Protein backbone atom coordinates (compact mmCIF):
# COMPACT_ATOMS: atom_id res chain seq x y z
CA MET A 1 -7.29 3.96 13.23
CA ASN A 2 -5.83 5.63 10.16
CA ILE A 3 -3.26 3.72 8.06
CA LEU A 4 -1.15 5.34 5.35
CA PHE A 5 0.68 3.12 2.85
CA LEU A 6 3.67 5.01 1.48
CA CYS A 7 5.69 4.16 -1.64
CA THR A 8 7.97 5.95 -4.07
CA GLY A 9 5.40 6.83 -6.73
CA ASN A 10 2.05 5.59 -5.37
CA ALA A 11 1.54 3.68 -8.61
CA CYS A 12 1.58 0.01 -7.70
CA ARG A 13 2.48 -1.54 -4.32
CA SER A 14 0.90 1.13 -2.13
CA GLN A 15 -2.16 1.17 -4.41
CA MET A 16 -2.60 -2.59 -4.01
CA ALA A 17 -2.13 -2.32 -0.23
CA GLU A 18 -4.74 0.42 -0.06
CA GLY A 19 -7.16 -1.69 -2.10
CA TRP A 20 -6.71 -4.78 0.06
CA ALA A 21 -6.93 -2.82 3.30
CA ARG A 22 -10.14 -1.06 2.21
CA ALA A 23 -11.68 -4.39 1.22
CA LEU A 24 -10.58 -6.28 4.32
CA ALA A 25 -10.86 -3.65 7.07
CA GLY A 26 -14.29 -2.32 6.32
CA ASP A 27 -15.32 1.08 7.63
CA SER A 28 -13.60 0.77 11.00
CA VAL A 29 -10.22 1.86 9.61
CA VAL A 30 -9.34 4.88 7.46
CA ILE A 31 -7.02 3.78 4.66
CA GLN A 32 -4.89 6.02 2.46
CA SER A 33 -1.93 5.60 0.16
CA ALA A 34 0.52 8.13 -1.16
CA GLY A 35 3.95 8.45 -2.66
CA ILE A 36 7.06 10.48 -2.14
CA GLU A 37 6.13 11.47 -5.71
CA ALA A 38 2.99 10.72 -7.75
CA HIS A 39 3.67 8.60 -10.84
CA GLY A 40 0.12 7.73 -11.87
CA LYS A 41 -1.53 4.34 -11.54
CA ASN A 42 -0.02 1.16 -12.98
CA PRO A 43 -2.52 -0.58 -15.32
CA ARG A 44 -1.10 -4.03 -14.48
CA ALA A 45 -1.69 -3.43 -10.77
CA ILE A 46 -5.28 -2.46 -11.56
CA ALA A 47 -5.68 -5.59 -13.71
CA VAL A 48 -4.35 -8.10 -11.16
CA MET A 49 -6.40 -6.56 -8.37
CA LYS A 50 -9.49 -6.79 -10.58
CA GLU A 51 -8.72 -10.51 -11.07
CA ALA A 52 -8.95 -10.84 -7.28
CA GLY A 53 -12.26 -8.95 -7.17
CA ILE A 54 -10.85 -5.62 -5.93
CA ASP A 55 -11.40 -2.48 -8.02
CA ILE A 56 -8.62 0.06 -7.44
CA SER A 57 -9.22 1.94 -10.69
CA GLN A 58 -10.84 4.90 -8.91
CA GLN A 59 -8.03 5.36 -6.37
CA GLN A 60 -5.81 8.35 -6.98
CA SER A 61 -2.02 8.46 -7.27
CA THR A 62 -1.18 11.17 -4.78
CA ARG A 63 1.88 12.76 -3.24
CA VAL A 64 2.12 12.54 0.54
CA ASP A 65 1.35 15.77 2.36
CA ASP A 66 1.52 17.00 5.93
CA SER A 67 -2.18 16.43 6.64
CA MET A 68 -1.91 12.75 5.62
CA LEU A 69 1.01 12.31 7.99
CA GLU A 70 -0.75 14.17 10.81
CA ASP A 71 -3.89 12.04 10.44
CA ALA A 72 -2.08 8.68 10.26
CA ASN A 73 -1.71 6.47 13.32
CA LEU A 74 0.46 4.08 11.30
CA VAL A 75 2.61 4.68 8.22
CA VAL A 76 3.61 1.54 6.32
CA THR A 77 6.45 2.07 3.87
CA VAL A 78 6.30 -0.56 1.12
CA CYS A 79 9.62 0.05 -0.61
CA GLY A 80 13.18 0.89 0.33
CA ASN A 81 13.12 4.33 -1.27
CA ALA A 82 10.04 5.38 0.70
CA ASP A 83 11.57 3.92 3.86
CA GLU A 84 14.79 5.89 3.35
CA HIS A 85 12.99 9.12 2.36
CA CYS A 86 10.00 8.90 4.68
CA PRO A 87 9.23 12.36 6.01
CA VAL A 88 9.58 12.98 9.73
CA LEU A 89 6.44 11.64 11.38
CA PRO A 90 4.49 13.41 14.10
CA ALA A 91 5.04 12.21 17.66
CA GLY A 92 2.97 9.12 18.38
CA THR A 93 2.73 8.00 14.76
CA HIS A 94 3.97 4.45 14.36
CA ARG A 95 5.96 3.29 11.35
CA GLU A 96 6.40 -0.14 9.83
CA HIS A 97 8.45 -1.18 6.80
CA TRP A 98 7.58 -3.88 4.28
CA PRO A 99 10.54 -4.44 1.91
CA LEU A 100 8.50 -5.27 -1.19
CA SER A 101 10.19 -5.64 -4.55
CA ASP A 102 8.74 -3.55 -7.37
CA PRO A 103 6.72 -5.67 -9.81
CA ALA A 104 6.87 -2.79 -12.31
CA ARG A 105 10.55 -3.64 -12.77
CA ALA A 106 9.80 -7.22 -13.84
CA ASP A 107 10.84 -8.21 -17.34
CA GLY A 108 10.12 -11.09 -19.65
CA SER A 109 7.00 -11.94 -21.58
CA GLU A 110 3.73 -10.24 -20.69
CA GLU A 111 2.58 -13.42 -18.92
CA GLN A 112 5.82 -13.59 -16.91
CA VAL A 113 5.46 -9.96 -15.88
CA MET A 114 1.82 -10.52 -14.91
CA GLN A 115 2.86 -13.50 -12.77
CA VAL A 116 5.22 -11.19 -10.87
CA PHE A 117 2.35 -8.73 -10.35
CA ARG A 118 0.08 -11.56 -9.13
CA ALA A 119 2.74 -12.76 -6.68
CA SER A 120 3.15 -9.22 -5.40
CA ARG A 121 -0.64 -8.83 -5.06
CA ASP A 122 -0.90 -12.06 -3.07
CA ASP A 123 2.05 -11.15 -0.83
CA ILE A 124 0.54 -7.75 -0.11
CA ARG A 125 -2.82 -9.35 0.73
CA GLN A 126 -1.17 -11.65 3.28
CA ARG A 127 0.72 -8.74 4.83
CA VAL A 128 -2.41 -6.56 5.02
CA GLU A 129 -4.43 -9.41 6.57
CA ALA A 130 -1.72 -10.01 9.19
CA LEU A 131 -1.48 -6.29 9.93
CA LEU A 132 -5.24 -5.90 10.38
CA GLN A 133 -5.40 -8.98 12.62
CA ARG A 134 -2.53 -7.67 14.74
CA LEU A 135 -4.14 -4.22 15.04
CA ALA A 136 -7.49 -5.77 15.98
CA GLY A 137 -5.75 -7.78 18.70
CA GLU A 138 -4.01 -4.66 20.04
CA THR A 139 -7.32 -2.78 20.09
CA GLN A 140 -8.98 -5.54 22.11
CA ALA A 141 -6.08 -5.85 24.58
């Protein structure tokens, strides 16, 4: 199984999803993330994931390419822009959309912004856990 998390800039939501999936799926699943564009990594996303014990600092912010799409069994778009601009997928590649709000757009004090990032991190963890459980059930069926 190869899962690709796709976002606009591969800076935040898709990076967190990749981190959670790598930590929770183990070696049985290939996990990648990419963006329609590559915006670099968001330091707040790295910080909140580190608080949860997941180091995403070495992940790369990459732009999606044809080989990533060809290798993926499942593409999960994690924002509306990526969902709307998702490239045409090869036959047999499944697609799922998670309409996640962008924590990088949060405003307020630094603590308020970090709370938005933490809420996003926790939501993404729940979604990744549910996805991996569902995929494990489909594999066993």
